[in-house]
PDB file of N, CA and C in Angstrom:
ATOM      1  N   GLU A   1    -144.674  57.064 -23.522  1.00  0.00           N
ATOM      2  CA  GLU A   1    -143.900  56.456 -22.452  1.00  0.00           C
ATOM      3  C   GLU A   1    -144.362  56.978 -21.103  1.00  0.00           C
ATOM      4  N   ASP A   2    -144.201  56.140 -20.104  1.00  0.00           N
ATOM      5  CA  ASP A   2    -144.588  56.497 -18.747  1.00  0.00           C
ATOM      6  C   ASP A   2    -143.376  57.068 -18.009  1.00  0.00           C
ATOM      7  N   PRO A   3    -143.366  58.386 -17.738  1.00  0.00           N
ATOM      8  CA  PRO A   3    -142.206  58.986 -17.080  1.00  0.00           C
ATOM      9  C   PRO A   3    -141.980  58.496 -15.651  1.00  0.00           C
ATOM     10  N   THR A   4    -142.980  57.886 -15.035  1.00  0.00           N
ATOM     11  CA  THR A   4    -142.805  57.411 -13.661  1.00  0.00           C
ATOM     12  C   THR A   4    -141.915  56.174 -13.585  1.00  0.00           C
ATOM     13  N   GLN A   5    -141.628  55.541 -14.740  1.00  0.00           N
ATOM     14  CA  GLN A   5    -140.757  54.367 -14.719  1.00  0.00           C
ATOM     15  C   GLN A   5    -139.275  54.743 -14.717  1.00  0.00           C
ATOM     16  N   TYR A   6    -138.975  56.050 -14.804  1.00  0.00           N
ATOM     17  CA  TYR A   6    -137.593  56.514 -14.824  1.00  0.00           C
ATOM     18  C   TYR A   6    -137.292  57.337 -13.584  1.00  0.00           C
ATOM     19  N   SER A   7    -136.012  57.415 -13.240  1.00  0.00           N
ATOM     20  CA  SER A   7    -135.594  58.269 -12.129  1.00  0.00           C
ATOM     21  C   SER A   7    -134.524  59.223 -12.637  1.00  0.00           C
ATOM     22  N   VAL A   8    -134.068  60.120 -11.777  1.00  0.00           N
ATOM     23  CA  VAL A   8    -133.083  61.115 -12.174  1.00  0.00           C
ATOM     24  C   VAL A   8    -131.760  60.450 -12.589  1.00  0.00           C
ATOM     25  N   VAL A   9    -131.447  59.261 -12.087  1.00  0.00           N
ATOM     26  CA  VAL A   9    -130.204  58.588 -12.486  1.00  0.00           C
ATOM     27  C   VAL A   9    -130.275  58.031 -13.907  1.00  0.00           C
ATOM     28  N   ASP A  10    -131.446  58.053 -14.516  1.00  0.00           N
ATOM     29  CA  ASP A  10    -131.597  57.614 -15.904  1.00  0.00           C
ATOM     30  C   ASP A  10    -131.370  58.749 -16.907  1.00  0.00           C
ATOM     31  N   VAL A  11    -131.277  59.977 -16.418  1.00  0.00           N
ATOM     32  CA  VAL A  11    -131.140  61.136 -17.303  1.00  0.00           C
ATOM     33  C   VAL A  11    -129.708  61.230 -17.820  1.00  0.00           C
ATOM     34  N   VAL A  12    -129.570  61.397 -19.144  1.00  0.00           N
ATOM     35  CA  VAL A  12    -128.255  61.541 -19.763  1.00  0.00           C
ATOM     36  C   VAL A  12    -128.215  62.825 -20.585  1.00  0.00           C
ATOM     37  N   LEU A  13    -126.995  63.349 -20.731  1.00  0.00           N
ATOM     38  CA  LEU A  13    -126.769  64.482 -21.623  1.00  0.00           C
ATOM     39  C   LEU A  13    -125.951  63.995 -22.802  1.00  0.00           C
ATOM     40  N   PRO A  14    -126.345  64.357 -24.004  1.00  0.00           N
ATOM     41  CA  PRO A  14    -125.584  63.930 -25.176  1.00  0.00           C
ATOM     42  C   PRO A  14    -124.296  64.734 -25.322  1.00  0.00           C
ATOM     43  N   LEU A  15    -123.201  64.040 -25.666  1.00  0.00           N
ATOM     44  CA  LEU A  15    -121.944  64.695 -26.016  1.00  0.00           C
ATOM     45  C   LEU A  15    -121.878  64.709 -27.536  1.00  0.00           C
ATOM     46  N   PRO A  16    -121.602  65.862 -28.129  1.00  0.00           N
ATOM     47  CA  PRO A  16    -121.672  65.978 -29.585  1.00  0.00           C
ATOM     48  C   PRO A  16    -120.817  64.954 -30.326  1.00  0.00           C
ATOM     49  N   GLY A  17    -121.345  64.485 -31.414  1.00  0.00           N
ATOM     50  CA  GLY A  17    -120.687  63.555 -32.312  1.00  0.00           C
ATOM     51  C   GLY A  17    -121.661  63.212 -33.425  1.00  0.00           C
ATOM     52  N   PHE A  18    -121.142  62.640 -34.508  1.00  0.00           N
ATOM     53  CA  PHE A  18    -122.009  62.431 -35.667  1.00  0.00           C
ATOM     54  C   PHE A  18    -123.067  61.352 -35.458  1.00  0.00           C
ATOM     55  N   SER A  19    -122.896  60.448 -34.486  1.00  0.00           N
ATOM     56  CA  SER A  19    -123.888  59.385 -34.312  1.00  0.00           C
ATOM     57  C   SER A  19    -124.821  59.596 -33.119  1.00  0.00           C
ATOM     58  N   VAL A  20    -124.717  60.748 -32.471  1.00  0.00           N
ATOM     59  CA  VAL A  20    -125.559  61.028 -31.307  1.00  0.00           C
ATOM     60  C   VAL A  20    -126.947  61.467 -31.760  1.00  0.00           C
ATOM     61  N   LYS A  21    -127.941  60.942 -31.079  1.00  0.00           N
ATOM     62  CA  LYS A  21    -129.320  61.356 -31.338  1.00  0.00           C
ATOM     63  C   LYS A  21    -129.731  62.317 -30.227  1.00  0.00           C
ATOM     64  N   PHE A  22    -129.970  63.555 -30.605  1.00  0.00           N
ATOM     65  CA  PHE A  22    -130.397  64.556 -29.631  1.00  0.00           C
ATOM     66  C   PHE A  22    -131.903  64.498 -29.449  1.00  0.00           C
ATOM     67  N   PRO A  23    -132.373  64.792 -28.241  1.00  0.00           N
ATOM     68  CA  PRO A  23    -133.824  64.832 -28.027  1.00  0.00           C
ATOM     69  C   PRO A  23    -134.410  66.020 -28.784  1.00  0.00           C
ATOM     70  N   GLU A  24    -135.637  65.901 -29.169  1.00  0.00           N
ATOM     71  CA  GLU A  24    -136.311  66.998 -29.874  1.00  0.00           C
ATOM     72  C   GLU A  24    -136.856  67.975 -28.833  1.00  0.00           C
ATOM     73  N   ASN A  25    -135.941  68.705 -28.204  1.00  0.00           N
ATOM     74  CA  ASN A  25    -136.329  69.698 -27.207  1.00  0.00           C
ATOM     75  C   ASN A  25    -135.264  70.796 -27.151  1.00  0.00           C
ATOM     76  N   GLU A  26    -135.259  71.579 -26.090  1.00  0.00           N
ATOM     77  CA  GLU A  26    -134.331  72.702 -25.968  1.00  0.00           C
ATOM     78  C   GLU A  26    -132.872  72.265 -25.950  1.00  0.00           C
ATOM     79  N   THR A  27    -132.589  71.066 -25.465  1.00  0.00           N
ATOM     80  CA  THR A  27    -131.211  70.577 -25.428  1.00  0.00           C
ATOM     81  C   THR A  27    -130.621  70.555 -26.830  1.00  0.00           C
ATOM     82  N   LYS A  28    -131.369  70.034 -27.771  1.00  0.00           N
ATOM     83  CA  LYS A  28    -130.897  69.980 -29.155  1.00  0.00           C
ATOM     84  C   LYS A  28    -130.667  71.384 -29.701  1.00  0.00           C
ATOM     85  N   THR A  29    -131.610  72.281 -29.453  1.00  0.00           N
ATOM     86  CA  THR A  29    -131.489  73.651 -29.944  1.00  0.00           C
ATOM     87  C   THR A  29    -130.248  74.326 -29.378  1.00  0.00           C
ATOM     88  N   ILE A  30    -130.022  74.179 -28.087  1.00  0.00           N
ATOM     89  CA  ILE A  30    -128.858  74.794 -27.438  1.00  0.00           C
ATOM     90  C   ILE A  30    -127.564  74.223 -28.012  1.00  0.00           C
ATOM     91  N   MET A  31    -127.482  72.899 -28.119  1.00  0.00           N
ATOM     92  CA  MET A  31    -126.257  72.264 -28.623  1.00  0.00           C
ATOM     93  C   MET A  31    -125.993  72.665 -30.075  1.00  0.00           C
ATOM     94  N   MET A  32    -127.020  72.684 -30.901  1.00  0.00           N
ATOM     95  CA  MET A  32    -126.837  73.061 -32.306  1.00  0.00           C
ATOM     96  C   MET A  32    -126.401  74.519 -32.427  1.00  0.00           C
ATOM     97  N   ASP A  33    -126.968  75.379 -31.601  1.00  0.00           N
ATOM     98  CA  ASP A  33    -126.573  76.791 -31.613  1.00  0.00           C
ATOM     99  C   ASP A  33    -125.116  76.958 -31.187  1.00  0.00           C
ATOM    100  N   LEU A  34    -124.695  76.215 -30.157  1.00  0.00           N
ATOM    101  CA  LEU A  34    -123.298  76.288 -29.710  1.00  0.00           C
ATOM    102  C   LEU A  34    -122.342  75.794 -30.787  1.00  0.00           C
ATOM    103  N   LEU A  35    -122.695  74.700 -31.443  1.00  0.00           N
ATOM    104  CA  LEU A  35    -121.861  74.191 -32.535  1.00  0.00           C
ATOM    105  C   LEU A  35    -121.793  75.202 -33.679  1.00  0.00           C
ATOM    106  N   LYS A  36    -122.936  75.778 -34.017  1.00  0.00           N
ATOM    107  CA  LYS A  36    -123.010  76.730 -35.122  1.00  0.00           C
ATOM    108  C   LYS A  36    -122.127  77.954 -34.863  1.00  0.00           C
ATOM    109  N   LYS A  37    -122.087  78.408 -33.599  1.00  0.00           N
ATOM    110  CA  LYS A  37    -121.245  79.561 -33.241  1.00  0.00           C
ATOM    111  C   LYS A  37    -119.771  79.281 -33.534  1.00  0.00           C
ATOM    112  N   ASP A  38    -119.385  78.008 -33.455  1.00  0.00           N
ATOM    113  CA  ASP A  38    -118.002  77.617 -33.739  1.00  0.00           C
ATOM    114  C   ASP A  38    -117.824  77.151 -35.182  1.00  0.00           C
ATOM    115  N   GLY A  39    -118.851  77.328 -35.995  1.00  0.00           N
ATOM    116  CA  GLY A  39    -118.768  76.936 -37.392  1.00  0.00           C
ATOM    117  C   GLY A  39    -118.819  75.432 -37.602  1.00  0.00           C
ATOM    118  N   LEU A  40    -119.498  74.723 -36.707  1.00  0.00           N
ATOM    119  CA  LEU A  40    -119.568  73.262 -36.767  1.00  0.00           C
ATOM    120  C   LEU A  40    -121.014  72.785 -36.874  1.00  0.00           C
ATOM    121  N   ASP A  41    -121.164  71.554 -37.304  1.00  0.00           N
ATOM    122  CA  ASP A  41    -122.421  70.821 -37.194  1.00  0.00           C
ATOM    123  C   ASP A  41    -122.045  69.379 -36.855  1.00  0.00           C
ATOM    124  N   LEU A  42    -123.016  68.506 -36.705  1.00  0.00           N
ATOM    125  CA  LEU A  42    -122.703  67.135 -36.285  1.00  0.00           C
ATOM    126  C   LEU A  42    -121.848  66.393 -37.301  1.00  0.00           C
ATOM    127  N   GLU A  43    -122.004  66.693 -38.555  1.00  0.00           N
ATOM    128  CA  GLU A  43    -121.194  66.040 -39.588  1.00  0.00           C
ATOM    129  C   GLU A  43    -119.733  66.482 -39.524  1.00  0.00           C
ATOM    130  N   SER A  44    -119.455  67.594 -38.850  1.00  0.00           N
ATOM    131  CA  SER A  44    -118.073  68.054 -38.687  1.00  0.00           C
ATOM    132  C   SER A  44    -117.238  67.043 -37.897  1.00  0.00           C
ATOM    133  N   PHE A  45    -117.903  66.184 -37.152  1.00  0.00           N
ATOM    134  CA  PHE A  45    -117.200  65.205 -36.322  1.00  0.00           C
ATOM    135  C   PHE A  45    -116.906  63.905 -37.073  1.00  0.00           C
ATOM    136  N   ARG A  46    -117.412  63.792 -38.298  1.00  0.00           N
ATOM    137  CA  ARG A  46    -117.165  62.595 -39.112  1.00  0.00           C
ATOM    138  C   ARG A  46    -115.929  62.862 -39.970  1.00  0.00           C
ATOM    139  N   LYS A  47    -114.871  62.106 -39.738  1.00  0.00           N
ATOM    140  CA  LYS A  47    -113.617  62.275 -40.477  1.00  0.00           C
ATOM    141  C   LYS A  47    -113.207  60.946 -41.088  1.00  0.00           C
ATOM    142  N   LYS A  48    -112.416  60.999 -42.158  1.00  0.00           N
ATOM    143  CA  LYS A  48    -111.940  59.776 -42.793  1.00  0.00           C
ATOM    144  C   LYS A  48    -110.976  59.034 -41.872  1.00  0.00           C
ATOM    145  N   SER A  49    -110.168  59.786 -41.124  1.00  0.00           N
ATOM    146  CA  SER A  49    -109.223  59.168 -40.191  1.00  0.00           C
ATOM    147  C   SER A  49    -109.943  58.826 -38.892  1.00  0.00           C
ATOM    148  N   LYS A  50    -109.877  57.578 -38.473  1.00  0.00           N
ATOM    149  CA  LYS A  50    -110.536  57.156 -37.236  1.00  0.00           C
ATOM    150  C   LYS A  50    -109.950  57.846 -36.010  1.00  0.00           C
ATOM    151  N   ASP A  51    -108.708  58.330 -36.120  1.00  0.00           N
ATOM    152  CA  ASP A  51    -108.070  59.027 -34.995  1.00  0.00           C
ATOM    153  C   ASP A  51    -108.770  60.340 -34.674  1.00  0.00           C
ATOM    154  N   TYR A  52    -109.418  60.938 -35.678  1.00  0.00           N
ATOM    155  CA  TYR A  52    -110.044  62.247 -35.483  1.00  0.00           C
ATOM    156  C   TYR A  52    -111.564  62.202 -35.583  1.00  0.00           C
ATOM    157  N   CYS A  53    -112.108  61.031 -35.720  1.00  0.00           N
ATOM    158  CA  CYS A  53    -113.543  60.847 -35.869  1.00  0.00           C
ATOM    159  C   CYS A  53    -114.186  60.786 -34.475  1.00  0.00           C
ATOM    160  N   LEU A  54    -115.226  61.592 -34.255  1.00  0.00           N
ATOM    161  CA  LEU A  54    -115.900  61.598 -32.952  1.00  0.00           C
ATOM    162  C   LEU A  54    -117.349  61.136 -33.107  1.00  0.00           C
ATOM    163  N   HIS A  55    -117.638  59.991 -32.537  1.00  0.00           N
ATOM    164  CA  HIS A  55    -118.991  59.440 -32.603  1.00  0.00           C
ATOM    165  C   HIS A  55    -119.939  60.146 -31.653  1.00  0.00           C
ATOM    166  N   GLY A  56    -119.410  60.661 -30.553  1.00  0.00           N
ATOM    167  CA  GLY A  56    -120.248  61.249 -29.516  1.00  0.00           C
ATOM    168  C   GLY A  56    -120.579  60.196 -28.475  1.00  0.00           C
ATOM    169  N   ASP A  57    -121.281  60.599 -27.458  1.00  0.00           N
ATOM    170  CA  ASP A  57    -121.611  59.677 -26.376  1.00  0.00           C
ATOM    171  C   ASP A  57    -122.705  60.306 -25.522  1.00  0.00           C
ATOM    172  N   TYR A  58    -123.039  59.633 -24.460  1.00  0.00           N
ATOM    173  CA  TYR A  58    -124.044  60.119 -23.519  1.00  0.00           C
ATOM    174  C   TYR A  58    -123.462  60.007 -22.110  1.00  0.00           C
ATOM    175  N   ARG A  59    -123.660  61.032 -21.309  1.00  0.00           N
ATOM    176  CA  ARG A  59    -123.171  61.028 -19.935  1.00  0.00           C
ATOM    177  C   ARG A  59    -124.340  61.159 -18.973  1.00  0.00           C
ATOM    178  N   HIS A  60    -124.349  60.297 -17.976  1.00  0.00           N
ATOM    179  CA  HIS A  60    -125.364  60.408 -16.929  1.00  0.00           C
ATOM    180  C   HIS A  60    -125.104  61.678 -16.127  1.00  0.00           C
ATOM    181  N   ILE A  61    -126.166  62.398 -15.766  1.00  0.00           N
ATOM    182  CA  ILE A  61    -125.976  63.626 -14.994  1.00  0.00           C
ATOM    183  C   ILE A  61    -125.779  63.329 -13.508  1.00  0.00           C
ATOM    184  N   ILE A  62    -126.216  62.165 -13.075  1.00  0.00           N
ATOM    185  CA  ILE A  62    -126.058  61.748 -11.678  1.00  0.00           C
ATOM    186  C   ILE A  62    -125.720  60.266 -11.662  1.00  0.00           C
ATOM    187  N   ALA A  63    -124.746  59.912 -10.847  1.00  0.00           N
ATOM    188  CA  ALA A  63    -124.405  58.499 -10.676  1.00  0.00           C
ATOM    189  C   ALA A  63    -124.829  58.062  -9.280  1.00  0.00           C
ATOM    190  N   LYS A  64    -125.358  56.867  -9.198  1.00  0.00           N
ATOM    191  CA  LYS A  64    -125.797  56.311  -7.916  1.00  0.00           C
ATOM    192  C   LYS A  64    -124.762  55.293  -7.472  1.00  0.00           C
ATOM    193  N   GLY A  65    -124.172  55.535  -6.321  1.00  0.00           N
ATOM    194  CA  GLY A  65    -123.134  54.649  -5.813  1.00  0.00           C
ATOM    195  C   GLY A  65    -123.690  53.305  -5.392  1.00  0.00           C
ATOM    196  N   LYS A  66    -122.843  52.276  -5.546  1.00  0.00           N
ATOM    197  CA  LYS A  66    -123.192  50.923  -5.104  1.00  0.00           C
ATOM    198  C   LYS A  66    -122.040  50.403  -4.261  1.00  0.00           C
ATOM    199  N   ASP A  67    -122.348  49.609  -3.274  1.00  0.00           N
ATOM    200  CA  ASP A  67    -121.322  49.001  -2.421  1.00  0.00           C
ATOM    201  C   ASP A  67    -120.319  50.033  -1.920  1.00  0.00           C
ATOM    202  N   VAL A  68    -120.815  51.145  -1.407  1.00  0.00           N
ATOM    203  CA  VAL A  68    -119.962  52.222  -0.927  1.00  0.00           C
ATOM    204  C   VAL A  68    -119.529  51.929   0.507  1.00  0.00           C
ATOM    205  N   CYS A  69    -118.232  52.090   0.769  1.00  0.00           N
ATOM    206  CA  CYS A  69    -117.685  51.950   2.122  1.00  0.00           C
ATOM    207  C   CYS A  69    -117.233  53.316   2.601  1.00  0.00           C
ATOM    208  N   TRP A  70    -117.300  53.536   3.886  1.00  0.00           N
ATOM    209  CA  TRP A  70    -116.853  54.805   4.415  1.00  0.00           C
ATOM    210  C   TRP A  70    -116.322  54.630   5.822  1.00  0.00           C
ATOM    211  N   ASP A  71    -115.518  55.580   6.239  1.00  0.00           N
ATOM    212  CA  ASP A  71    -114.979  55.643   7.596  1.00  0.00           C
ATOM    213  C   ASP A  71    -115.151  57.061   8.100  1.00  0.00           C
ATOM    214  N   LEU A  72    -115.432  57.191   9.380  1.00  0.00           N
ATOM    215  CA  LEU A  72    -115.450  58.496  10.012  1.00  0.00           C
ATOM    216  C   LEU A  72    -114.059  58.726  10.577  1.00  0.00           C
ATOM    217  N   VAL A  73    -113.375  59.742  10.068  1.00  0.00           N
ATOM    218  CA  VAL A  73    -111.996  60.009  10.458  1.00  0.00           C
ATOM    219  C   VAL A  73    -111.926  61.405  11.047  1.00  0.00           C
ATOM    220  N   LYS A  74    -111.228  61.548  12.166  1.00  0.00           N
ATOM    221  CA  LYS A  74    -111.095  62.849  12.812  1.00  0.00           C
ATOM    222  C   LYS A  74    -109.631  63.275  12.820  1.00  0.00           C
ATOM    223  N   TYR A  75    -109.433  64.573  12.746  1.00  0.00           N
ATOM    224  CA  TYR A  75    -108.090  65.131  12.894  1.00  0.00           C
ATOM    225  C   TYR A  75    -107.650  65.036  14.343  1.00  0.00           C
ATOM    226  N   LYS A  76    -106.388  64.685  14.566  1.00  0.00           N
ATOM    227  CA  LYS A  76    -105.803  64.829  15.899  1.00  0.00           C
ATOM    228  C   LYS A  76    -105.138  66.196  15.990  1.00  0.00           C
ATOM    229  N   THR A  77    -104.513  66.595  14.874  1.00  0.00           N
ATOM    230  CA  THR A  77    -103.934  67.935  14.756  1.00  0.00           C
ATOM    231  C   THR A  77    -104.340  68.486  13.389  1.00  0.00           C
ATOM    232  N   ASN A  78    -104.154  69.779  13.196  1.00  0.00           N
ATOM    233  CA  ASN A  78    -104.505  70.402  11.912  1.00  0.00           C
ATOM    234  C   ASN A  78    -103.598  69.927  10.780  1.00  0.00           C
ATOM    235  N   GLU A  79    -102.449  69.339  11.101  1.00  0.00           N
ATOM    236  CA  GLU A  79    -101.514  68.884  10.081  1.00  0.00           C
ATOM    237  C   GLU A  79    -101.748  67.435   9.658  1.00  0.00           C
ATOM    238  N   ASP A  80    -102.647  66.745  10.337  1.00  0.00           N
ATOM    239  CA  ASP A  80    -102.911  65.341   9.994  1.00  0.00           C
ATOM    240  C   ASP A  80    -103.432  65.208   8.566  1.00  0.00           C
ATOM    241  N   CYS A  81    -102.982  64.155   7.906  1.00  0.00           N
ATOM    242  CA  CYS A  81    -103.460  63.831   6.573  1.00  0.00           C
ATOM    243  C   CYS A  81    -104.566  62.781   6.730  1.00  0.00           C
ATOM    244  N   LEU A  82    -105.774  63.123   6.302  1.00  0.00           N
ATOM    245  CA  LEU A  82    -106.890  62.201   6.469  1.00  0.00           C
ATOM    246  C   LEU A  82    -106.922  61.116   5.404  1.00  0.00           C
ATOM    247  N   ILE A  83    -106.415  61.436   4.225  1.00  0.00           N
ATOM    248  CA  ILE A  83    -106.450  60.476   3.125  1.00  0.00           C
ATOM    249  C   ILE A  83    -105.024  60.261   2.635  1.00  0.00           C
ATOM    250  N   PRO A  84    -104.478  59.060   2.838  1.00  0.00           N
ATOM    251  CA  PRO A  84    -103.108  58.813   2.380  1.00  0.00           C
ATOM    252  C   PRO A  84    -103.001  58.865   0.855  1.00  0.00           C
ATOM    253  N   SER A  85    -101.925  59.471   0.381  1.00  0.00           N
ATOM    254  CA  SER A  85    -101.696  59.530  -1.061  1.00  0.00           C
ATOM    255  C   SER A  85    -101.158  58.183  -1.539  1.00  0.00           C
ATOM    256  N   GLN A  86    -101.047  58.039  -2.845  1.00  0.00           N
ATOM    257  CA  GLN A  86    -100.456  56.812  -3.390  1.00  0.00           C
ATOM    258  C   GLN A  86     -99.015  56.669  -2.930  1.00  0.00           C
ATOM    259  N   LEU A  87     -98.291  57.796  -2.849  1.00  0.00           N
ATOM    260  CA  LEU A  87     -96.909  57.757  -2.370  1.00  0.00           C
ATOM    261  C   LEU A  87     -96.860  57.284  -0.922  1.00  0.00           C
ATOM    262  N   ASP A  88     -97.786  57.774  -0.089  1.00  0.00           N
ATOM    263  CA  ASP A  88     -97.855  57.309   1.305  1.00  0.00           C
ATOM    264  C   ASP A  88     -98.074  55.799   1.353  1.00  0.00           C
ATOM    265  N   ARG A  89     -98.951  55.302   0.519  1.00  0.00           N
ATOM    266  CA  ARG A  89     -99.235  53.868   0.501  1.00  0.00           C
ATOM    267  C   ARG A  89     -98.025  53.067   0.032  1.00  0.00           C
ATOM    268  N   LEU A  90     -97.341  53.568  -0.998  1.00  0.00           N
ATOM    269  CA  LEU A  90     -96.139  52.889  -1.483  1.00  0.00           C
ATOM    270  C   LEU A  90     -95.048  52.874  -0.413  1.00  0.00           C
ATOM    271  N   ASN A  91     -94.856  54.001   0.253  1.00  0.00           N
ATOM    272  CA  ASN A  91     -93.845  54.065   1.311  1.00  0.00           C
ATOM    273  C   ASN A  91     -94.181  53.125   2.454  1.00  0.00           C
ATOM    274  N   LYS A  92     -95.443  53.037   2.834  1.00  0.00           N
ATOM    275  CA  LYS A  92     -95.858  52.107   3.894  1.00  0.00           C
ATOM    276  C   LYS A  92     -95.605  50.680   3.455  1.00  0.00           C
ATOM    277  N   SER A  93     -95.910  50.369   2.202  1.00  0.00           N
ATOM    278  CA  SER A  93     -95.672  49.033   1.679  1.00  0.00           C
ATOM    279  C   SER A  93     -94.195  48.709   1.705  1.00  0.00           C
ATOM    280  N   ALA A  94     -93.360  49.677   1.339  1.00  0.00           N
ATOM    281  CA  ALA A  94     -91.905  49.447   1.354  1.00  0.00           C
ATOM    282  C   ALA A  94     -91.417  49.222   2.782  1.00  0.00           C
ATOM    283  N   ILE A  95     -91.978  49.956   3.740  1.00  0.00           N
ATOM    284  CA  ILE A  95     -91.586  49.783   5.141  1.00  0.00           C
ATOM    285  C   ILE A  95     -92.032  48.424   5.650  1.00  0.00           C
ATOM    286  N   ASP A  96     -93.265  48.005   5.292  1.00  0.00           N
ATOM    287  CA  ASP A  96     -93.794  46.717   5.728  1.00  0.00           C
ATOM    288  C   ASP A  96     -92.976  45.554   5.166  1.00  0.00           C
ATOM    289  N   GLN A  97     -92.380  45.717   3.988  1.00  0.00           N
ATOM    290  CA  GLN A  97     -91.642  44.653   3.359  1.00  0.00           C
ATOM    291  C   GLN A  97     -90.168  44.621   3.746  1.00  0.00           C
ATOM    292  N   SER A  98     -89.686  45.673   4.398  1.00  0.00           N
ATOM    293  CA  SER A  98     -88.266  45.702   4.771  1.00  0.00           C
ATOM    294  C   SER A  98     -88.004  44.710   5.901  1.00  0.00           C
ATOM    295  N   PRO A  99     -86.764  44.122   5.919  1.00  0.00           N
ATOM    296  CA  PRO A  99     -86.463  43.087   6.949  1.00  0.00           C
ATOM    297  C   PRO A  99     -86.438  43.630   8.349  1.00  0.00           C
TER     298      PRO A  99
END
């Protein structure tokens, strides 16, 4: 494979589970050693009950934002809240809707 066709946003880390394929490198060795220290292996995640069965997954180490919006906000005082909470938004909505 040509490594130049990939970027850092393509890199994933495996999360342990019975169906995860680990790369044949140090990542696999480290993960297997960590599982072994806890008395586990990948088959330990396969259970008859689907509620306790862990397939595993892959997580990107870096996410690239798309359609990002931003505002430059300045404090007027040290007590100013720069980001309204959900409660602030609900209260504003209730005030806007009052007669």
